[in-house]
Amino acid sequence: MKKIFLATMMIFMGGWAQAYEMGVTGGMQTMDVEDSTNTVEFNNKSGFYAGVLGFIDTGDGGYFRTGALLGQRGFSYDVSSSVTDVYKITYLDVPLNYLFMFNEYAGIYGGLKLSLAVSDSCDVEGGSGICNLDNVEGMAYAASVGGHFRFVPEFGIEVEYDLGLSDVAKDVEWKSSLTVGAFYLF
């Protein structure tokens, strides 16, 4: 699966050389997960993301929106009233979206987000014990929909909702994510 992901990235990276616009982006994101066995209740944790975006003009206000974003998403589990296990997974995200601009300053986009797990960690807060995140999936994916808003032609914000379509680890299902960030185009 990692080979397919890397091959897809290489195909689209060639298109970046022809990108209508490129830029940098960064912001905050949350991840909502659920235990597929219904025995554990997870809490959301905020994370960050940063990376590059490319917009390839397809004509008539449409753009292919892609990039490479390094992001950390997390969740926690209350082991007891005073002990919490905190899980963090760092992903390399590749958005594969179609962006339609209504005008020069506002647009919507939708498509797929591929996420390759780069690293994961688990920490115990408020006590001691063993913290373990079993069998983190090497790749996760989600359906994405978002808004793209520019204050000036080079600077703006994006708000994105991701509907998880896969598990992130054994018995841990990715339900959704919310992402809010800023971008600068050059």
Protein backbone atom coordinates (compact mmCIF):
# COMPACT_ATOMS: atom_id res chain seq x y z
CA MET A 1 0.00 0.00 0.00
CA LYS A 2 2.89 2.36 0.74
CA LYS A 3 4.24 1.76 -2.77
CA ILE A 4 0.89 2.77 -4.30
CA PHE A 5 0.85 5.89 -2.14
CA LEU A 6 4.40 6.86 -3.12
CA ALA A 7 3.71 6.19 -6.81
CA THR A 8 0.62 8.42 -6.64
CA MET A 9 2.67 11.18 -5.01
CA MET A 10 5.34 10.97 -7.71
CA ILE A 11 2.74 11.20 -10.49
CA PHE A 12 1.20 14.33 -9.02
CA MET A 13 4.52 15.95 -8.12
CA GLY A 14 5.25 16.27 -11.85
CA GLY A 15 2.08 18.31 -12.17
CA TRP A 16 3.29 20.70 -9.48
CA ALA A 17 5.91 22.00 -11.90
CA GLN A 18 2.99 23.21 -14.02
CA ALA A 19 0.98 24.45 -11.04
CA TYR A 20 -1.01 27.58 -11.58
CA GLU A 21 -0.30 28.54 -7.98
CA MET A 22 1.81 27.08 -5.20
CA GLY A 23 1.98 28.00 -1.57
CA VAL A 24 2.61 27.09 2.02
CA THR A 25 -0.06 26.27 4.56
CA GLY A 26 -0.40 25.47 8.24
CA GLY A 27 -2.95 25.29 11.00
CA MET A 28 -4.76 23.19 13.58
CA GLN A 29 -6.74 19.98 13.25
CA THR A 30 -8.71 17.57 15.40
CA MET A 31 -9.40 13.87 14.97
CA ASP A 32 -12.54 12.09 16.15
CA VAL A 33 -12.05 8.34 16.52
CA GLU A 34 -14.23 5.52 17.77
CA ASP A 35 -13.52 2.11 19.24
CA SER A 36 -15.00 -0.44 16.82
CA THR A 37 -15.54 -2.88 19.72
CA ASN A 38 -17.57 -0.26 21.68
CA THR A 39 -15.59 -0.94 24.89
CA VAL A 40 -13.50 2.26 25.01
CA GLU A 41 -14.47 5.93 24.73
CA PHE A 42 -11.82 8.13 23.14
CA ASN A 43 -11.48 11.93 23.51
CA ASN A 44 -10.39 14.28 20.74
CA LYS A 45 -7.00 16.02 20.82
CA SER A 46 -5.88 18.95 18.70
CA GLY A 47 -2.83 18.71 16.47
CA PHE A 48 -1.03 20.76 13.86
CA TYR A 49 -0.24 20.55 10.18
CA ALA A 50 2.10 22.35 7.80
CA GLY A 51 3.14 21.82 4.22
CA VAL A 52 2.89 22.88 0.60
CA LEU A 53 -0.14 23.14 -1.68
CA GLY A 54 -0.38 23.26 -5.45
CA PHE A 55 -3.33 24.39 -7.56
CA ILE A 56 -3.41 23.25 -11.19
CA ASP A 57 -5.81 25.27 -13.37
CA THR A 58 -8.42 23.09 -15.11
CA GLY A 59 -10.34 26.05 -16.59
CA ASP A 60 -13.66 27.79 -15.87
CA GLY A 61 -12.82 28.47 -12.20
CA GLY A 62 -11.75 24.90 -11.49
CA TYR A 63 -8.46 23.73 -10.02
CA PHE A 64 -6.93 20.42 -9.04
CA ARG A 65 -5.80 20.98 -5.42
CA THR A 66 -3.03 18.76 -4.10
CA GLY A 67 0.00 18.98 -1.86
CA ALA A 68 2.13 17.37 0.80
CA LEU A 69 1.19 18.17 4.40
CA LEU A 70 2.85 16.89 7.54
CA GLY A 71 0.28 16.73 10.31
CA GLN A 72 -0.17 15.38 13.80
CA ARG A 73 -3.54 14.09 14.94
CA GLY A 74 -4.30 12.65 18.33
CA PHE A 75 -6.82 11.25 20.74
CA SER A 76 -6.84 10.15 24.37
CA TYR A 77 -8.40 7.53 26.60
CA ASP A 78 -9.15 7.95 30.32
CA VAL A 79 -7.73 4.81 31.96
CA SER A 80 -8.98 5.98 35.37
CA SER A 81 -10.14 9.24 36.94
CA SER A 82 -6.54 10.45 37.19
CA VAL A 83 -4.64 8.54 34.47
CA THR A 84 -4.97 9.25 30.74
CA ASP A 85 -3.29 7.60 27.76
CA VAL A 86 -2.54 10.16 25.01
CA TYR A 87 -2.01 8.87 21.47
CA LYS A 88 -0.40 10.92 18.68
CA ILE A 89 0.03 9.86 15.07
CA THR A 90 2.02 11.93 12.58
CA TYR A 91 0.88 11.64 8.96
CA LEU A 92 2.07 12.77 5.57
CA ASP A 93 -1.24 13.86 4.01
CA VAL A 94 -1.78 14.15 0.26
CA PRO A 95 -5.06 15.89 -0.63
CA LEU A 96 -6.51 15.00 -4.03
CA ASN A 97 -9.29 17.57 -4.40
CA TYR A 98 -11.20 19.51 -7.02
CA LEU A 99 -11.49 23.21 -6.10
CA PHE A 100 -14.16 25.40 -7.69
CA MET A 101 -13.69 29.15 -7.20
CA PHE A 102 -16.97 31.15 -7.27
CA ASN A 103 -14.95 34.33 -7.68
CA GLU A 104 -11.41 35.51 -6.96
CA TYR A 105 -11.92 35.23 -3.18
CA ALA A 106 -14.11 32.20 -2.37
CA GLY A 107 -14.43 28.60 -3.41
CA ILE A 108 -15.29 25.08 -2.26
CA TYR A 109 -13.41 21.85 -2.72
CA GLY A 110 -13.94 18.14 -2.27
CA GLY A 111 -12.19 14.87 -2.90
CA LEU A 112 -9.96 12.38 -1.16
CA LYS A 113 -7.21 12.70 1.46
CA LEU A 114 -4.55 9.98 1.60
CA SER A 115 -2.60 9.81 4.87
CA LEU A 116 0.64 7.86 5.26
CA ALA A 117 1.58 7.22 8.92
CA VAL A 118 5.09 8.54 9.54
CA SER A 119 5.32 8.02 13.31
CA ASP A 120 3.18 7.34 16.36
CA SER A 121 3.57 7.77 20.09
CA CYS A 122 1.68 7.02 23.28
CA ASP A 123 2.20 8.78 26.63
CA VAL A 124 0.73 8.23 30.09
CA GLU A 125 -0.43 11.41 31.86
CA GLY A 126 -1.21 11.64 35.57
CA GLY A 127 0.42 8.39 36.64
CA SER A 128 2.41 5.45 35.44
CA GLY A 129 1.61 2.43 33.37
CA ILE A 130 1.97 0.89 29.97
CA CYS A 131 0.65 2.86 27.04
CA ASN A 132 0.42 1.04 23.73
CA LEU A 133 -1.17 1.82 20.39
CA ASP A 134 -1.45 -1.54 18.63
CA ASN A 135 -1.03 -2.04 14.92
CA VAL A 136 -1.13 1.52 13.58
CA GLU A 137 -2.27 1.34 9.96
CA GLY A 138 0.38 2.48 7.48
CA MET A 139 -2.21 4.35 5.44
CA ALA A 140 -5.54 5.96 6.24
CA TYR A 141 -7.89 7.81 3.92
CA ALA A 142 -10.87 10.11 4.15
CA ALA A 143 -13.40 11.96 2.00
CA SER A 144 -12.79 15.72 2.25
CA VAL A 145 -14.93 18.80 1.74
CA GLY A 146 -13.83 22.34 2.48
CA GLY A 147 -14.04 26.06 1.93
CA HIS A 148 -11.23 28.18 0.44
CA PHE A 149 -11.34 31.90 1.29
CA ARG A 150 -8.86 34.59 0.22
CA PHE A 151 -8.54 38.00 1.87
CA VAL A 152 -6.06 39.16 -0.75
CA PRO A 153 -5.05 37.14 -3.83
CA GLU A 154 -2.04 35.57 -2.04
CA PHE A 155 -3.33 35.02 1.51
CA GLY A 156 -6.36 33.29 2.99
CA ILE A 157 -7.82 30.52 5.11
CA GLU A 158 -9.23 27.07 4.51
CA VAL A 159 -11.70 25.13 6.63
CA GLU A 160 -12.00 21.40 5.94
CA TYR A 161 -14.11 18.51 7.19
CA ASP A 162 -12.84 14.96 6.63
CA LEU A 163 -15.06 11.90 6.87
CA GLY A 164 -12.81 8.98 7.81
CA LEU A 165 -13.12 5.93 5.57
CA SER A 166 -10.58 3.67 7.31
CA ASP A 167 -9.12 2.56 10.62
CA VAL A 168 -6.08 4.31 12.10
CA ALA A 169 -5.10 1.36 14.32
CA LYS A 170 -6.45 -1.98 15.45
CA ASP A 171 -10.06 -1.45 16.59
CA VAL A 172 -9.71 2.36 16.22
CA GLU A 173 -11.93 3.80 13.47
CA TRP A 174 -11.32 7.30 12.03
CA LYS A 175 -14.74 8.98 12.19
CA SER A 176 -13.92 12.56 11.21
CA SER A 177 -11.47 15.46 11.35
CA LEU A 178 -11.85 19.22 11.34
CA THR A 179 -9.01 21.35 9.96
CA VAL A 180 -8.62 25.14 10.07
CA GLY A 181 -5.56 26.83 8.65
CA ALA A 182 -4.02 29.70 6.74
CA PHE A 183 -2.17 29.67 3.43
CA TYR A 184 0.18 31.96 1.54
CA LEU A 185 0.50 31.60 -2.24
CA PHE A 186 3.49 32.62 -4.34
